[in-house]
Amino acid sequence: MSFNVNVLPSGRSFTADDGEPMLAAAIRQGIGLPYGCKDGACGSCKCKKLEGQVTHGAHQSKALSAEEEAQGFILTCCGVAHSDVVLESRQVTDESAFPIRKMPVRVTSLVRASPDVMVVRLQLPASDTMKYHAGQYVEFLLRDGDRRSYSMANAPYTQLETPGIELHIRHMPGGKFTDHVFAAMKEREILRIEGPYGSFFLREDSAKPIVMVASGTGFAPLKAIIEHMQFKRIVRPAVLYWGGRRPADLYMNDWIEARVAEMPNLRYVPVVSDALPEDGWLGRTGFVHKAVLEDFADLSGQQVYACGAPIVVESARDDFTALAGLPAEEFFADAFTTEADKAQKTEAT
């Protein structure tokens, strides 16, 4: 048995098999619903159910509260249709040109960009390239069946010269995968990846000025977007706010300052929340999304792209829409949920 899922206002539709999460069905059929973690932890796939019956699997209350569910909101990543369904989701794109594929990759370099960030470069098979939108991510397929997700930090055009991808991996002490990356991974190691995934990428059909907000390694997909903008000669005004606890967390500060020198329409605002006297930090301090609000009392005419820790993304979404008039449909985000975040899922009632 299968059910029809219609998405408004785009009019796109797809079918979901009995027991199949709607997001998985949409990805399978090339329908670009918004999503992030695919695991009920981030809330990026939340949308309004207009008609039909949907039940949820395990998810976190911060991703979908009981109150929101009572108001008709659902998470497509863990929402299963039990009838034909009509959804309202304004961020629908056609990603069918970029099929999701599995492939082996070889580690070509490991560079420690800061004490807890490793820049990992992976070589794709010689006869292959990966087609993706700048801002999307891939998943490592681990031997025990687990997966780990990381955003690609290089723009798609870089595949033309040397097929490969760049990832920025933060060490999570005790983490099964990141402990290996920082302690045992060697050049020439073979891994398996699957992708591209994600709905976080530049909407090029808009001419609105862009505000980018990154925390920590949330800079990675925004780096890819900036590279893409430079390559495509996209001249929309853009500003990057990059936040970290200490100055060392802004691990590619020189890279972004070099791009600013080359791109007249790009600005950069680094923000540090916990600088110590020995850091000698003279720049902006505090929470990165608060720095945006200090500079933009009115975001009604902007597009925002936010990436990083869930608390940063959630705070930016809530405050930008409530305090600065940002239209909800102009907020695009990728929350970097950790395995610990995902483990906090609770059963829906």
C-alpha atoms as a PDB file:
ATOM      1  CA  MET A   1       0.000   0.000   0.000  1.00  0.00           C
ATOM      2  CA  SER A   2       1.197   3.528  -0.741  1.00  0.00           C
ATOM      3  CA  PHE A   3      -0.143   7.027  -0.148  1.00  0.00           C
ATOM      4  CA  ASN A   4       0.078  10.208  -2.186  1.00  0.00           C
ATOM      5  CA  VAL A   5       1.790  13.214  -0.572  1.00  0.00           C
ATOM      6  CA  ASN A   6       1.070  16.581  -2.174  1.00  0.00           C
ATOM      7  CA  VAL A   7       3.222  19.598  -1.264  1.00  0.00           C
ATOM      8  CA  LEU A   8       1.824  23.132  -1.441  1.00  0.00           C
ATOM      9  CA  PRO A   9       2.312  25.745  -2.758  1.00  0.00           C
ATOM     10  CA  SER A  10       4.713  24.079  -5.223  1.00  0.00           C
ATOM     11  CA  GLY A  11       2.226  21.416  -6.306  1.00  0.00           C
ATOM     12  CA  ARG A  12       4.961  18.761  -6.254  1.00  0.00           C
ATOM     13  CA  SER A  13       3.798  15.303  -5.221  1.00  0.00           C
ATOM     14  CA  PHE A  14       5.262  11.881  -4.456  1.00  0.00           C
ATOM     15  CA  THR A  15       4.163   8.548  -3.045  1.00  0.00           C
ATOM     16  CA  ALA A  16       5.139   7.109   0.336  1.00  0.00           C
ATOM     17  CA  ASP A  17       5.016   3.380   0.949  1.00  0.00           C
ATOM     18  CA  ASP A  18       3.257   1.981   3.986  1.00  0.00           C
ATOM     19  CA  GLY A  19       5.518   2.568   6.998  1.00  0.00           C
ATOM     20  CA  GLU A  20       8.026   4.693   5.037  1.00  0.00           C
ATOM     21  CA  PRO A  21       8.953   8.113   6.478  1.00  0.00           C
ATOM     22  CA  MET A  22       7.792  10.820   4.092  1.00  0.00           C
ATOM     23  CA  LEU A  23      11.232  12.430   3.848  1.00  0.00           C
ATOM     24  CA  ALA A  24      12.847   9.148   2.769  1.00  0.00           C
ATOM     25  CA  ALA A  25      10.153   8.775   0.110  1.00  0.00           C
ATOM     26  CA  ALA A  26      10.689  12.337  -1.121  1.00  0.00           C
ATOM     27  CA  ILE A  27      14.473  11.902  -1.363  1.00  0.00           C
ATOM     28  CA  ARG A  28      14.006   8.624  -3.210  1.00  0.00           C
ATOM     29  CA  GLN A  29      11.848  10.388  -5.807  1.00  0.00           C
ATOM     30  CA  GLY A  30      13.944  13.550  -6.193  1.00  0.00           C
ATOM     31  CA  ILE A  31      11.604  15.886  -4.294  1.00  0.00           C
ATOM     32  CA  GLY A  32      13.687  18.399  -2.328  1.00  0.00           C
ATOM     33  CA  LEU A  33      11.884  18.839   0.967  1.00  0.00           C
ATOM     34  CA  PRO A  34      13.905  20.746   3.584  1.00  0.00           C
ATOM     35  CA  TYR A  35      15.807  18.607   6.069  1.00  0.00           C
ATOM     36  CA  GLY A  36      18.946  18.381   8.140  1.00  0.00           C
ATOM     37  CA  CYS A  37      19.723  15.472  10.474  1.00  0.00           C
ATOM     38  CA  LYS A  38      17.076  13.001   9.175  1.00  0.00           C
ATOM     39  CA  ASP A  39      16.858  11.769  12.757  1.00  0.00           C
ATOM     40  CA  GLY A  40      14.179  13.760  14.585  1.00  0.00           C
ATOM     41  CA  ALA A  41      16.718  15.926  16.374  1.00  0.00           C
ATOM     42  CA  CYS A  42      17.006  19.250  14.532  1.00  0.00           C
ATOM     43  CA  GLY A  43      13.535  20.266  13.337  1.00  0.00           C
ATOM     44  CA  SER A  44      14.726  21.419   9.901  1.00  0.00           C
ATOM     45  CA  CYS A  45      12.126  19.249   8.161  1.00  0.00           C
ATOM     46  CA  LYS A  46       9.190  20.627  10.156  1.00  0.00           C
ATOM     47  CA  CYS A  47       6.226  21.655   8.031  1.00  0.00           C
ATOM     48  CA  LYS A  48       2.449  22.063   8.287  1.00  0.00           C
ATOM     49  CA  LYS A  49       0.074  19.180   7.633  1.00  0.00           C
ATOM     50  CA  LEU A  50      -3.031  20.493   5.910  1.00  0.00           C
ATOM     51  CA  GLU A  51      -4.813  17.197   5.307  1.00  0.00           C
ATOM     52  CA  GLY A  52      -4.371  13.516   6.113  1.00  0.00           C
ATOM     53  CA  GLN A  53      -3.223  11.232   8.897  1.00  0.00           C
ATOM     54  CA  VAL A  54       0.420  11.119  10.031  1.00  0.00           C
ATOM     55  CA  THR A  55       2.085   9.364  12.988  1.00  0.00           C
ATOM     56  CA  HIS A  56       5.587  10.064  14.278  1.00  0.00           C
ATOM     57  CA  GLY A  57       8.459   7.854  15.283  1.00  0.00           C
ATOM     58  CA  ALA A  58      10.989   8.819  17.948  1.00  0.00           C
ATOM     59  CA  HIS A  59      11.996  12.487  17.956  1.00  0.00           C
ATOM     60  CA  GLN A  60      13.089  15.251  20.286  1.00  0.00           C
ATOM     61  CA  SER A  61      10.575  17.673  21.739  1.00  0.00           C
ATOM     62  CA  LYS A  62      12.805  20.594  20.745  1.00  0.00           C
ATOM     63  CA  ALA A  63      12.432  19.461  17.122  1.00  0.00           C
ATOM     64  CA  LEU A  64       8.644  19.156  17.416  1.00  0.00           C
ATOM     65  CA  SER A  65       6.827  20.038  20.619  1.00  0.00           C
ATOM     66  CA  ALA A  66       3.497  18.570  21.661  1.00  0.00           C
ATOM     67  CA  GLU A  67       1.965  22.015  21.181  1.00  0.00           C
ATOM     68  CA  GLU A  68       3.278  22.263  17.611  1.00  0.00           C
ATOM     69  CA  GLU A  69       2.032  18.785  16.827  1.00  0.00           C
ATOM     70  CA  ALA A  70      -1.410  19.752  18.143  1.00  0.00           C
ATOM     71  CA  GLN A  71      -1.319  22.725  15.761  1.00  0.00           C
ATOM     72  CA  GLY A  72      -0.771  20.392  12.807  1.00  0.00           C
ATOM     73  CA  PHE A  73       2.991  20.547  12.380  1.00  0.00           C
ATOM     74  CA  ILE A  74       4.878  17.372  11.510  1.00  0.00           C
ATOM     75  CA  LEU A  75       8.447  16.180  10.966  1.00  0.00           C
ATOM     76  CA  THR A  76       8.789  14.523   7.587  1.00  0.00           C
ATOM     77  CA  CYS A  77      11.953  12.657   8.647  1.00  0.00           C
ATOM     78  CA  CYS A  78      10.025  10.481  11.103  1.00  0.00           C
ATOM     79  CA  GLY A  79       6.435  11.170  10.020  1.00  0.00           C
ATOM     80  CA  VAL A  80       4.659   8.228   8.396  1.00  0.00           C
ATOM     81  CA  ALA A  81       1.547   8.716   6.265  1.00  0.00           C
ATOM     82  CA  HIS A  82      -1.537   6.605   6.972  1.00  0.00           C
ATOM     83  CA  SER A  83      -3.645   8.238   4.264  1.00  0.00           C
ATOM     84  CA  ASP A  84      -3.124  10.633   1.385  1.00  0.00           C
ATOM     85  CA  VAL A  85      -1.508  13.764   2.833  1.00  0.00           C
ATOM     86  CA  VAL A  86      -1.287  17.446   1.896  1.00  0.00           C
ATOM     87  CA  LEU A  87       1.691  19.378   3.314  1.00  0.00           C
ATOM     88  CA  GLU A  88       2.613  23.059   3.269  1.00  0.00           C
ATOM     89  CA  SER A  89       6.357  23.523   2.713  1.00  0.00           C
ATOM     90  CA  ARG A  90       7.737  26.533   0.880  1.00  0.00           C
ATOM     91  CA  GLN A  91      11.316  25.290   0.582  1.00  0.00           C
ATOM     92  CA  VAL A  92      10.833  22.664  -2.102  1.00  0.00           C
ATOM     93  CA  THR A  93      13.480  22.222  -4.776  1.00  0.00           C
ATOM     94  CA  ASP A  94      14.160  19.750  -7.542  1.00  0.00           C
ATOM     95  CA  GLU A  95      17.328  17.848  -6.663  1.00  0.00           C
ATOM     96  CA  SER A  96      16.736  14.995  -9.090  1.00  0.00           C
ATOM     97  CA  ALA A  97      19.773  16.048 -11.156  1.00  0.00           C
ATOM     98  CA  PHE A  98      22.008  15.065  -8.248  1.00  0.00           C
ATOM     99  CA  PRO A  99      21.272  11.432  -7.415  1.00  0.00           C
ATOM    100  CA  ILE A 100      22.375  10.042  -4.068  1.00  0.00           C
ATOM    101  CA  ARG A 101      25.203   7.568  -4.581  1.00  0.00           C
ATOM    102  CA  LYS A 102      27.571   5.385  -2.588  1.00  0.00           C
ATOM    103  CA  MET A 103      31.269   5.387  -3.457  1.00  0.00           C
ATOM    104  CA  PRO A 104      34.683   4.589  -2.019  1.00  0.00           C
ATOM    105  CA  VAL A 105      37.015   7.487  -1.202  1.00  0.00           C
ATOM    106  CA  ARG A 106      40.687   7.670  -0.261  1.00  0.00           C
ATOM    107  CA  VAL A 107      42.100  10.011   2.380  1.00  0.00           C
ATOM    108  CA  THR A 108      44.624  12.268   0.629  1.00  0.00           C
ATOM    109  CA  SER A 109      45.488  14.696   3.410  1.00  0.00           C
ATOM    110  CA  LEU A 110      44.886  15.390   7.081  1.00  0.00           C
ATOM    111  CA  VAL A 111      45.648  18.938   8.258  1.00  0.00           C
ATOM    112  CA  ARG A 112      44.963  20.080  11.810  1.00  0.00           C
ATOM    113  CA  ALA A 113      43.502  23.566  11.391  1.00  0.00           C
ATOM    114  CA  SER A 114      43.111  24.093  15.165  1.00  0.00           C
ATOM    115  CA  PRO A 115      43.575  21.908  18.248  1.00  0.00           C
ATOM    116  CA  ASP A 116      40.198  20.260  17.670  1.00  0.00           C
ATOM    117  CA  VAL A 117      39.479  20.722  13.944  1.00  0.00           C
ATOM    118  CA  MET A 118      40.902  18.488  11.213  1.00  0.00           C
ATOM    119  CA  VAL A 119      40.624  19.400   7.542  1.00  0.00           C
ATOM    120  CA  VAL A 120      40.250  16.080   5.736  1.00  0.00           C
ATOM    121  CA  ARG A 121      40.524  15.819   1.974  1.00  0.00           C
ATOM    122  CA  LEU A 122      39.110  12.794   0.208  1.00  0.00           C
ATOM    123  CA  GLN A 123      39.858  11.609  -3.314  1.00  0.00           C
ATOM    124  CA  LEU A 124      36.975  10.228  -5.353  1.00  0.00           C
ATOM    125  CA  PRO A 125      37.384   7.307  -7.763  1.00  0.00           C
ATOM    126  CA  ALA A 126      39.462   8.335 -10.794  1.00  0.00           C
ATOM    127  CA  SER A 127      36.590   7.955 -13.242  1.00  0.00           C
ATOM    128  CA  ASP A 128      34.035   9.653 -11.015  1.00  0.00           C
ATOM    129  CA  THR A 129      32.878  13.023  -9.780  1.00  0.00           C
ATOM    130  CA  MET A 130      30.215  13.962  -7.261  1.00  0.00           C
ATOM    131  CA  LYS A 131      27.522  16.397  -8.308  1.00  0.00           C
ATOM    132  CA  TYR A 132      26.166  18.441  -5.435  1.00  0.00           C
ATOM    133  CA  HIS A 133      25.009  21.864  -4.349  1.00  0.00           C
ATOM    134  CA  ALA A 134      27.469  23.947  -2.343  1.00  0.00           C
ATOM    135  CA  GLY A 135      26.280  23.534   1.243  1.00  0.00           C
ATOM    136  CA  GLN A 136      25.202  19.881   1.069  1.00  0.00           C
ATOM    137  CA  TYR A 137      26.745  17.030   3.053  1.00  0.00           C
ATOM    138  CA  VAL A 138      27.865  13.418   2.743  1.00  0.00           C
ATOM    139  CA  GLU A 139      27.574  10.524   5.183  1.00  0.00           C
ATOM    140  CA  PHE A 140      30.381   8.146   6.093  1.00  0.00           C
ATOM    141  CA  LEU A 141      29.172   4.538   6.103  1.00  0.00           C
ATOM    142  CA  LEU A 142      30.883   2.879   9.062  1.00  0.00           C
ATOM    143  CA  ARG A 143      31.547  -0.841   9.305  1.00  0.00           C
ATOM    144  CA  ASP A 144      28.954  -1.407  12.031  1.00  0.00           C
ATOM    145  CA  GLY A 145      26.209   0.265  10.011  1.00  0.00           C
ATOM    146  CA  ASP A 146      26.420   3.619  11.789  1.00  0.00           C
ATOM    147  CA  ARG A 147      26.683   6.842   9.804  1.00  0.00           C
ATOM    148  CA  ARG A 148      28.407  10.179  10.373  1.00  0.00           C
ATOM    149  CA  SER A 149      27.487  13.340   8.456  1.00  0.00           C
ATOM    150  CA  TYR A 150      29.826  16.146   7.366  1.00  0.00           C
ATOM    151  CA  SER A 151      29.294  19.101   5.064  1.00  0.00           C
ATOM    152  CA  MET A 152      31.458  19.542   1.998  1.00  0.00           C
ATOM    153  CA  ALA A 153      33.627  22.637   2.391  1.00  0.00           C
ATOM    154  CA  ASN A 154      34.598  22.986  -1.260  1.00  0.00           C
ATOM    155  CA  ALA A 155      32.374  24.234  -4.067  1.00  0.00           C
ATOM    156  CA  PRO A 156      31.244  21.853  -6.826  1.00  0.00           C
ATOM    157  CA  TYR A 157      33.368  23.575  -9.509  1.00  0.00           C
ATOM    158  CA  THR A 158      36.526  22.305  -7.761  1.00  0.00           C
ATOM    159  CA  GLN A 159      35.603  18.819  -9.023  1.00  0.00           C
ATOM    160  CA  LEU A 160      36.610  19.913 -12.522  1.00  0.00           C
ATOM    161  CA  GLU A 161      40.288  19.986 -11.583  1.00  0.00           C
ATOM    162  CA  THR A 162      40.725  17.296  -8.936  1.00  0.00           C
ATOM    163  CA  PRO A 163      37.733  15.095  -8.084  1.00  0.00           C
ATOM    164  CA  GLY A 164      37.574  15.178  -4.313  1.00  0.00           C
ATOM    165  CA  ILE A 165      35.908  16.753  -1.320  1.00  0.00           C
ATOM    166  CA  GLU A 166      37.065  18.736   1.700  1.00  0.00           C
ATOM    167  CA  LEU A 167      35.563  18.176   5.144  1.00  0.00           C
ATOM    168  CA  HIS A 168      36.090  20.028   8.433  1.00  0.00           C
ATOM    169  CA  ILE A 169      35.831  17.541  11.303  1.00  0.00           C
ATOM    170  CA  ARG A 170      35.693  18.657  14.929  1.00  0.00           C
ATOM    171  CA  HIS A 171      37.000  16.245  17.548  1.00  0.00           C
ATOM    172  CA  MET A 172      34.308  15.039  19.933  1.00  0.00           C
ATOM    173  CA  PRO A 173      36.255  13.278  22.733  1.00  0.00           C
ATOM    174  CA  GLY A 174      34.958   9.744  23.069  1.00  0.00           C
ATOM    175  CA  GLY A 175      33.339   9.909  19.647  1.00  0.00           C
ATOM    176  CA  LYS A 176      33.728   6.651  17.754  1.00  0.00           C
ATOM    177  CA  PHE A 177      34.492   8.299  14.433  1.00  0.00           C
ATOM    178  CA  THR A 178      36.269  11.502  15.450  1.00  0.00           C
ATOM    179  CA  ASP A 179      38.572   9.674  17.889  1.00  0.00           C
ATOM    180  CA  HIS A 180      39.683   7.613  14.901  1.00  0.00           C
ATOM    181  CA  VAL A 181      40.149  10.689  12.720  1.00  0.00           C
ATOM    182  CA  PHE A 182      42.371  12.420  15.289  1.00  0.00           C
ATOM    183  CA  ALA A 183      44.288   9.399  16.624  1.00  0.00           C
ATOM    184  CA  ALA A 184      44.519   6.703  13.975  1.00  0.00           C
ATOM    185  CA  MET A 185      43.420   7.862  10.525  1.00  0.00           C
ATOM    186  CA  LYS A 186      46.193   7.810   7.934  1.00  0.00           C
ATOM    187  CA  GLU A 187      46.600   9.098   4.404  1.00  0.00           C
ATOM    188  CA  ARG A 188      45.500   6.567   1.758  1.00  0.00           C
ATOM    189  CA  GLU A 189      42.917   5.042   4.098  1.00  0.00           C
ATOM    190  CA  ILE A 190      39.821   3.878   2.207  1.00  0.00           C
ATOM    191  CA  LEU A 191      36.370   4.884   3.432  1.00  0.00           C
ATOM    192  CA  ARG A 192      32.852   4.725   2.011  1.00  0.00           C
ATOM    193  CA  ILE A 193      30.528   7.695   1.666  1.00  0.00           C
ATOM    194  CA  GLU A 194      26.990   8.323   0.484  1.00  0.00           C
ATOM    195  CA  GLY A 195      25.545  11.577  -0.778  1.00  0.00           C
ATOM    196  CA  PRO A 196      24.852  14.298  -1.503  1.00  0.00           C
ATOM    197  CA  TYR A 197      22.276  15.037   1.181  1.00  0.00           C
ATOM    198  CA  GLY A 198      20.660  18.166   2.566  1.00  0.00           C
ATOM    199  CA  SER A 199      18.564  21.157   1.536  1.00  0.00           C
ATOM    200  CA  PHE A 200      21.066  23.756   2.738  1.00  0.00           C
ATOM    201  CA  PHE A 201      22.362  25.581  -0.327  1.00  0.00           C
ATOM    202  CA  LEU A 202      22.188  29.007  -1.923  1.00  0.00           C
ATOM    203  CA  ARG A 203      18.847  29.940  -3.499  1.00  0.00           C
ATOM    204  CA  GLU A 204      20.119  31.549  -6.679  1.00  0.00           C
ATOM    205  CA  ASP A 205      16.676  32.606  -7.886  1.00  0.00           C
ATOM    206  CA  SER A 206      16.698  35.408  -5.298  1.00  0.00           C
ATOM    207  CA  ALA A 207      18.424  38.782  -5.485  1.00  0.00           C
ATOM    208  CA  LYS A 208      18.116  39.491  -1.756  1.00  0.00           C
ATOM    209  CA  PRO A 209      21.205  40.380   0.288  1.00  0.00           C
ATOM    210  CA  ILE A 210      22.626  37.442   2.225  1.00  0.00           C
ATOM    211  CA  VAL A 211      23.447  37.125   5.923  1.00  0.00           C
ATOM    212  CA  MET A 212      25.492  34.025   6.780  1.00  0.00           C
ATOM    213  CA  VAL A 213      25.793  32.851  10.386  1.00  0.00           C
ATOM    214  CA  ALA A 214      28.284  30.144  11.361  1.00  0.00           C
ATOM    215  CA  SER A 215      29.394  28.667  14.655  1.00  0.00           C
ATOM    216  CA  GLY A 216      32.534  26.538  14.750  1.00  0.00           C
ATOM    217  CA  THR A 217      32.744  24.055  11.867  1.00  0.00           C
ATOM    218  CA  GLY A 218      29.387  25.355  10.641  1.00  0.00           C
ATOM    219  CA  PHE A 219      31.741  27.499   8.580  1.00  0.00           C
ATOM    220  CA  ALA A 220      32.407  24.521   6.262  1.00  0.00           C
ATOM    221  CA  PRO A 221      29.269  24.619   4.077  1.00  0.00           C
ATOM    222  CA  LEU A 222      29.336  28.426   4.060  1.00  0.00           C
ATOM    223  CA  LYS A 223      32.918  28.271   2.774  1.00  0.00           C
ATOM    224  CA  ALA A 224      31.620  26.155  -0.108  1.00  0.00           C
ATOM    225  CA  ILE A 225      28.827  28.658  -0.770  1.00  0.00           C
ATOM    226  CA  ILE A 226      31.284  31.579  -0.774  1.00  0.00           C
ATOM    227  CA  GLU A 227      33.555  29.713  -3.211  1.00  0.00           C
ATOM    228  CA  HIS A 228      30.527  29.013  -5.394  1.00  0.00           C
ATOM    229  CA  MET A 229      29.479  32.672  -5.353  1.00  0.00           C
ATOM    230  CA  GLN A 230      32.961  33.782  -6.349  1.00  0.00           C
ATOM    231  CA  PHE A 231      33.163  31.225  -9.166  1.00  0.00           C
ATOM    232  CA  LYS A 232      29.680  32.063 -10.511  1.00  0.00           C
ATOM    233  CA  ARG A 233      30.306  35.826 -10.101  1.00  0.00           C
ATOM    234  CA  ILE A 234      27.246  36.185  -7.874  1.00  0.00           C
ATOM    235  CA  VAL A 235      27.408  39.780  -6.647  1.00  0.00           C
ATOM    236  CA  ARG A 236      24.540  39.877  -4.148  1.00  0.00           C
ATOM    237  CA  PRO A 237      25.685  41.701  -1.002  1.00  0.00           C
ATOM    238  CA  ALA A 238      26.723  39.104   1.581  1.00  0.00           C
ATOM    239  CA  VAL A 239      28.101  39.186   5.107  1.00  0.00           C
ATOM    240  CA  LEU A 240      29.505  36.273   7.106  1.00  0.00           C
ATOM    241  CA  TYR A 241      29.243  36.276  10.901  1.00  0.00           C
ATOM    242  CA  TRP A 242      31.492  33.508  12.228  1.00  0.00           C
ATOM    243  CA  GLY A 243      31.411  32.754  15.932  1.00  0.00           C
ATOM    244  CA  GLY A 244      33.680  30.737  18.201  1.00  0.00           C
ATOM    245  CA  ARG A 245      34.524  30.522  21.891  1.00  0.00           C
ATOM    246  CA  ARG A 246      38.167  31.499  21.385  1.00  0.00           C
ATOM    247  CA  PRO A 247      39.933  33.125  18.415  1.00  0.00           C
ATOM    248  CA  ALA A 248      41.516  29.754  17.484  1.00  0.00           C
ATOM    249  CA  ASP A 249      38.010  28.438  16.745  1.00  0.00           C
ATOM    250  CA  LEU A 250      37.963  30.729  13.700  1.00  0.00           C
ATOM    251  CA  TYR A 251      40.377  28.302  12.129  1.00  0.00           C
ATOM    252  CA  MET A 252      40.316  29.689   8.563  1.00  0.00           C
ATOM    253  CA  ASN A 253      40.260  33.360   9.443  1.00  0.00           C
ATOM    254  CA  ASP A 254      43.019  34.137   6.912  1.00  0.00           C
ATOM    255  CA  TRP A 255      41.121  32.315   4.158  1.00  0.00           C
ATOM    256  CA  ILE A 256      37.947  34.325   4.608  1.00  0.00           C
ATOM    257  CA  GLU A 257      39.844  37.611   4.890  1.00  0.00           C
ATOM    258  CA  ALA A 258      41.526  36.793   1.552  1.00  0.00           C
ATOM    259  CA  ARG A 259      38.097  36.196  -0.032  1.00  0.00           C
ATOM    260  CA  VAL A 260      36.834  39.512   1.329  1.00  0.00           C
ATOM    261  CA  ALA A 261      39.792  41.234  -0.368  1.00  0.00           C
ATOM    262  CA  GLU A 262      38.793  39.604  -3.677  1.00  0.00           C
ATOM    263  CA  MET A 263      34.994  39.956  -3.412  1.00  0.00           C
ATOM    264  CA  PRO A 264      33.831  43.584  -3.047  1.00  0.00           C
ATOM    265  CA  ASN A 265      30.309  42.572  -2.025  1.00  0.00           C
ATOM    266  CA  LEU A 266      31.419  40.259   0.795  1.00  0.00           C
ATOM    267  CA  ARG A 267      31.954  41.373   4.412  1.00  0.00           C
ATOM    268  CA  TYR A 268      33.197  39.383   7.400  1.00  0.00           C
ATOM    269  CA  VAL A 269      32.412  39.822  11.092  1.00  0.00           C
ATOM    270  CA  PRO A 270      34.276  37.444  13.443  1.00  0.00           C
ATOM    271  CA  VAL A 271      32.722  37.060  16.901  1.00  0.00           C
ATOM    272  CA  VAL A 272      34.310  35.468  19.997  1.00  0.00           C
ATOM    273  CA  SER A 273      32.276  34.588  23.074  1.00  0.00           C
ATOM    274  CA  ASP A 274      34.878  33.510  25.661  1.00  0.00           C
ATOM    275  CA  ALA A 275      38.114  35.328  24.839  1.00  0.00           C
ATOM    276  CA  LEU A 276      40.801  35.290  27.515  1.00  0.00           C
ATOM    277  CA  PRO A 277      43.197  38.183  28.207  1.00  0.00           C
ATOM    278  CA  GLU A 278      46.090  36.260  26.671  1.00  0.00           C
ATOM    279  CA  ASP A 279      44.145  35.982  23.391  1.00  0.00           C
ATOM    280  CA  GLY A 280      44.542  39.707  22.798  1.00  0.00           C
ATOM    281  CA  TRP A 281      41.133  39.726  21.097  1.00  0.00           C
ATOM    282  CA  LEU A 282      39.994  43.203  20.046  1.00  0.00           C
ATOM    283  CA  GLY A 283      37.042  42.237  17.869  1.00  0.00           C
ATOM    284  CA  ARG A 284      33.342  41.618  18.517  1.00  0.00           C
ATOM    285  CA  THR A 285      32.364  39.549  21.533  1.00  0.00           C
ATOM    286  CA  GLY A 286      29.258  37.703  22.667  1.00  0.00           C
ATOM    287  CA  PHE A 287      26.892  35.335  20.881  1.00  0.00           C
ATOM    288  CA  VAL A 288      27.223  35.341  17.110  1.00  0.00           C
ATOM    289  CA  HIS A 289      23.498  35.654  16.343  1.00  0.00           C
ATOM    290  CA  LYS A 290      23.268  38.606  18.758  1.00  0.00           C
ATOM    291  CA  ALA A 291      25.970  40.369  16.740  1.00  0.00           C
ATOM    292  CA  VAL A 292      23.705  40.071  13.696  1.00  0.00           C
ATOM    293  CA  LEU A 293      20.827  41.668  15.580  1.00  0.00           C
ATOM    294  CA  GLU A 294      23.103  44.493  16.741  1.00  0.00           C
ATOM    295  CA  ASP A 295      23.857  45.292  13.095  1.00  0.00           C
ATOM    296  CA  PHE A 296      20.471  44.471  11.523  1.00  0.00           C
ATOM    297  CA  ALA A 297      17.431  45.805  13.350  1.00  0.00           C
ATOM    298  CA  ASP A 298      15.432  44.906  10.230  1.00  0.00           C
ATOM    299  CA  LEU A 299      16.030  41.602   8.397  1.00  0.00           C
ATOM    300  CA  SER A 300      12.800  41.712   6.419  1.00  0.00           C
ATOM    301  CA  GLY A 301      14.661  42.175   3.143  1.00  0.00           C
ATOM    302  CA  GLN A 302      17.423  39.616   3.726  1.00  0.00           C
ATOM    303  CA  GLN A 303      18.012  35.915   3.228  1.00  0.00           C
ATOM    304  CA  VAL A 304      19.742  34.146   6.126  1.00  0.00           C
ATOM    305  CA  TYR A 305      21.889  31.014   5.921  1.00  0.00           C
ATOM    306  CA  ALA A 306      22.781  29.636   9.366  1.00  0.00           C
ATOM    307  CA  CYS A 307      24.892  26.627  10.183  1.00  0.00           C
ATOM    308  CA  GLY A 308      26.441  25.177  13.319  1.00  0.00           C
ATOM    309  CA  ALA A 309      25.415  24.064  16.784  1.00  0.00           C
ATOM    310  CA  PRO A 310      21.659  23.491  17.189  1.00  0.00           C
ATOM    311  CA  ILE A 311      21.373  26.122  19.938  1.00  0.00           C
ATOM    312  CA  VAL A 312      22.879  28.747  17.609  1.00  0.00           C
ATOM    313  CA  VAL A 313      20.618  27.834  14.703  1.00  0.00           C
ATOM    314  CA  GLU A 314      17.489  27.705  16.870  1.00  0.00           C
ATOM    315  CA  SER A 315      18.282  31.014  18.580  1.00  0.00           C
ATOM    316  CA  ALA A 316      18.945  32.679  15.244  1.00  0.00           C
ATOM    317  CA  ARG A 317      15.698  31.385  13.749  1.00  0.00           C
ATOM    318  CA  ASP A 318      13.599  32.428  16.726  1.00  0.00           C
ATOM    319  CA  ASP A 319      15.149  35.864  17.269  1.00  0.00           C
ATOM    320  CA  PHE A 320      15.556  36.866  13.635  1.00  0.00           C
ATOM    321  CA  THR A 321      11.911  36.171  12.861  1.00  0.00           C
ATOM    322  CA  ALA A 322      10.479  37.524  16.130  1.00  0.00           C
ATOM    323  CA  LEU A 323      12.703  40.560  16.665  1.00  0.00           C
ATOM    324  CA  ALA A 324      13.945  41.603  13.222  1.00  0.00           C
ATOM    325  CA  GLY A 325      11.084  40.714  10.880  1.00  0.00           C
ATOM    326  CA  LEU A 326      12.869  38.009   8.886  1.00  0.00           C
ATOM    327  CA  PRO A 327      10.291  36.053   6.832  1.00  0.00           C
ATOM    328  CA  ALA A 328      10.364  32.462   8.070  1.00  0.00           C
ATOM    329  CA  GLU A 329      10.699  31.160   4.515  1.00  0.00           C
ATOM    330  CA  GLU A 330      13.925  33.148   4.047  1.00  0.00           C
ATOM    331  CA  PHE A 331      15.752  31.329   6.860  1.00  0.00           C
ATOM    332  CA  PHE A 332      17.815  28.382   5.616  1.00  0.00           C
ATOM    333  CA  ALA A 333      19.710  26.283   8.120  1.00  0.00           C
ATOM    334  CA  ASP A 334      21.762  23.201   8.820  1.00  0.00           C
ATOM    335  CA  ALA A 335      22.061  22.322  12.508  1.00  0.00           C
ATOM    336  CA  PHE A 336      25.085  20.143  13.263  1.00  0.00           C
ATOM    337  CA  THR A 337      23.472  17.550  15.500  1.00  0.00           C
ATOM    338  CA  THR A 338      25.909  15.224  17.253  1.00  0.00           C
ATOM    339  CA  GLU A 339      25.316  11.573  18.050  1.00  0.00           C
ATOM    340  CA  ALA A 340      24.633  12.682  21.625  1.00  0.00           C
ATOM    341  CA  ASP A 341      21.944  15.037  20.305  1.00  0.00           C
ATOM    342  CA  LYS A 342      20.358  12.228  18.307  1.00  0.00           C
ATOM    343  CA  ALA A 343      20.456   9.870  21.275  1.00  0.00           C
ATOM    344  CA  GLN A 344      18.126  12.183  23.165  1.00  0.00           C
ATOM    345  CA  LYS A 345      15.171  11.304  20.949  1.00  0.00           C
ATOM    346  CA  THR A 346      12.008  10.500  22.828  1.00  0.00           C
ATOM    347  CA  GLU A 347       9.082   8.410  21.747  1.00  0.00           C
ATOM    348  CA  ALA A 348       6.183  10.422  20.382  1.00  0.00           C
ATOM    349  CA  THR A 349       2.924   9.947  22.180  1.00  0.00           C
END
